[in-house]
Amino acid sequence: MGKYGHAAETAARSLAAGGGDPRTAWEVAVTKIFPNSRTSAEKGCPRVSFLALCGLGFVKGVPPGSYTRSVKTKAYVTRAVTELRSNPAMANDEQGLWRTITEGREIAPNHQMDVVATLWRKALIR
């Protein structure tokens, strides 16, 4: 699990324990995990991946809602969860999962699958 996966797990557990807003939970988590790197804490792709999962109703304990407007990332995380449901072992191969959901196109990953795969492995995706 990478640091963004850890942030996603921390935020998801916080939301499950006490509700709240996914955006705030993410901000609190990355601030703790990246106390000396504002750039890392503000990285967009992992944040939007987490918010998309929440918005789609995939994160346990988080009601579906409008937490991000990113159509592309919503499609990525939806494909990733669909793939993990049919092939759970892919949670241990984030690069392979990325290649599968992008259908082999040359799109550089940016920690999206760290978020999805970590939440999957931690049983935080419904």
Protein backbone atom coordinates (compact mmCIF):
# COMPACT_ATOMS: atom_id res chain seq x y z
CA MET A 1 0.00 0.00 0.00
CA GLY A 2 1.29 3.38 -0.96
CA LYS A 3 0.79 6.63 0.88
CA TYR A 4 -2.29 7.57 -1.15
CA GLY A 5 -3.83 4.18 -0.43
CA HIS A 6 -3.10 4.78 3.24
CA ALA A 7 -4.78 8.19 2.98
CA ALA A 8 -7.83 6.61 1.34
CA GLU A 9 -8.06 3.96 4.05
CA THR A 10 -7.69 6.59 6.79
CA ALA A 11 -10.36 8.81 5.26
CA ALA A 12 -12.76 5.91 4.65
CA ARG A 13 -12.42 4.64 8.21
CA SER A 14 -12.95 8.14 9.55
CA LEU A 15 -16.12 8.50 7.49
CA ALA A 16 -17.40 5.08 8.57
CA ALA A 17 -16.79 5.94 12.23
CA GLY A 18 -18.42 9.32 12.30
CA GLY A 19 -19.84 10.35 8.98
CA GLY A 20 -18.84 13.71 7.68
CA ASP A 21 -17.81 14.98 4.30
CA PRO A 22 -15.50 12.89 2.08
CA ARG A 23 -13.60 15.99 0.94
CA THR A 24 -12.81 16.96 4.51
CA ALA A 25 -11.91 13.40 5.50
CA TRP A 26 -9.46 13.22 2.57
CA GLU A 27 -7.89 16.59 3.45
CA VAL A 28 -7.39 15.57 7.08
CA ALA A 29 -5.87 12.23 6.05
CA VAL A 30 -3.37 13.64 3.53
CA THR A 31 -2.36 16.42 5.89
CA LYS A 32 -1.37 13.76 8.45
CA ILE A 33 0.36 11.53 5.90
CA PHE A 34 2.18 14.34 4.06
CA PRO A 35 2.87 16.88 6.83
CA ASN A 36 5.88 18.35 5.02
CA SER A 37 4.72 18.20 1.41
CA ARG A 38 1.86 20.42 0.39
CA THR A 39 2.32 19.32 -3.24
CA SER A 40 1.83 15.66 -2.34
CA ALA A 41 -1.12 16.45 -0.10
CA GLU A 42 -2.82 18.39 -2.91
CA LYS A 43 -2.22 15.81 -5.65
CA GLY A 44 -5.42 15.64 -7.67
CA CYS A 45 -5.73 12.16 -9.14
CA PRO A 46 -5.71 10.17 -5.90
CA ARG A 47 -8.06 12.68 -4.25
CA VAL A 48 -10.49 12.61 -7.16
CA SER A 49 -10.31 8.79 -7.25
CA PHE A 50 -11.31 8.63 -3.59
CA LEU A 51 -14.08 11.18 -4.06
CA ALA A 52 -15.36 9.37 -7.15
CA LEU A 53 -15.52 6.08 -5.26
CA CYS A 54 -17.45 7.83 -2.48
CA GLY A 55 -19.76 9.57 -4.91
CA LEU A 56 -20.60 6.35 -6.69
CA GLY A 57 -21.52 4.72 -3.41
CA PHE A 58 -18.64 2.23 -3.46
CA VAL A 59 -17.07 3.20 -0.11
CA LYS A 60 -18.67 1.50 2.86
CA GLY A 61 -20.40 3.88 5.22
CA VAL A 62 -20.45 6.78 2.74
CA PRO A 63 -23.70 7.71 1.05
CA PRO A 64 -23.54 8.31 -2.70
CA GLY A 65 -23.37 11.95 -3.63
CA SER A 66 -21.77 14.56 -5.80
CA TYR A 67 -18.23 14.84 -4.46
CA THR A 68 -16.39 15.35 -7.76
CA ARG A 69 -17.25 16.32 -11.31
CA SER A 70 -14.54 14.22 -12.97
CA VAL A 71 -16.19 12.02 -15.58
CA LYS A 72 -12.93 10.36 -16.62
CA THR A 73 -11.89 9.34 -13.11
CA LYS A 74 -15.38 8.06 -12.32
CA ALA A 75 -15.09 5.83 -15.37
CA TYR A 76 -11.65 4.57 -14.28
CA VAL A 77 -12.72 3.70 -10.75
CA THR A 78 -15.97 2.11 -11.94
CA ARG A 79 -14.02 -0.11 -14.34
CA ALA A 80 -11.51 -0.93 -11.62
CA VAL A 81 -14.19 -1.99 -9.12
CA THR A 82 -15.93 -4.03 -11.82
CA GLU A 83 -12.64 -5.76 -12.64
CA LEU A 84 -11.90 -6.42 -8.97
CA ARG A 85 -15.32 -7.96 -8.47
CA SER A 86 -14.66 -10.44 -11.25
CA ASN A 87 -10.95 -10.88 -10.55
CA PRO A 88 -10.09 -9.97 -6.91
CA ALA A 89 -6.44 -11.00 -7.34
CA MET A 90 -5.94 -7.89 -9.47
CA ALA A 91 -5.90 -5.89 -6.21
CA ASN A 92 -2.35 -7.15 -5.80
CA ASP A 93 -1.29 -5.97 -9.26
CA GLU A 94 -2.05 -2.26 -9.49
CA GLN A 95 -0.10 -1.83 -12.73
CA GLY A 96 -1.95 -4.74 -14.31
CA LEU A 97 -5.26 -3.37 -13.07
CA TRP A 98 -4.42 0.01 -14.62
CA ARG A 99 -3.48 -1.61 -17.94
CA THR A 100 -6.75 -3.55 -17.90
CA ILE A 101 -9.01 -0.59 -17.21
CA THR A 102 -7.23 1.66 -19.69
CA GLU A 103 -7.34 -1.17 -22.24
CA GLY A 104 -3.58 -1.02 -22.69
CA ARG A 105 -3.52 2.61 -23.81
CA GLU A 106 -0.41 4.57 -22.94
CA ILE A 107 -1.96 6.57 -20.10
CA ALA A 108 0.34 7.26 -17.17
CA PRO A 109 -1.09 6.16 -13.83
CA ASN A 110 -1.16 8.70 -11.05
CA HIS A 111 -1.89 6.70 -7.89
CA GLN A 112 -5.54 6.05 -8.82
CA MET A 113 -5.16 2.29 -8.43
CA ASP A 114 -3.33 2.67 -5.11
CA VAL A 115 -6.54 4.22 -3.78
CA VAL A 116 -8.90 1.66 -5.34
CA ALA A 117 -6.81 -1.44 -4.64
CA THR A 118 -6.09 -0.45 -1.03
CA LEU A 119 -9.75 0.14 -0.26
CA TRP A 120 -10.55 -3.19 -1.92
CA ARG A 121 -7.90 -5.11 0.04
CA LYS A 122 -9.05 -3.48 3.30
CA ALA A 123 -12.67 -4.52 2.55
CA LEU A 124 -13.82 -0.91 2.47
CA ILE A 125 -15.50 -1.17 -0.94
CA ARG A 126 -19.02 -2.52 -1.13
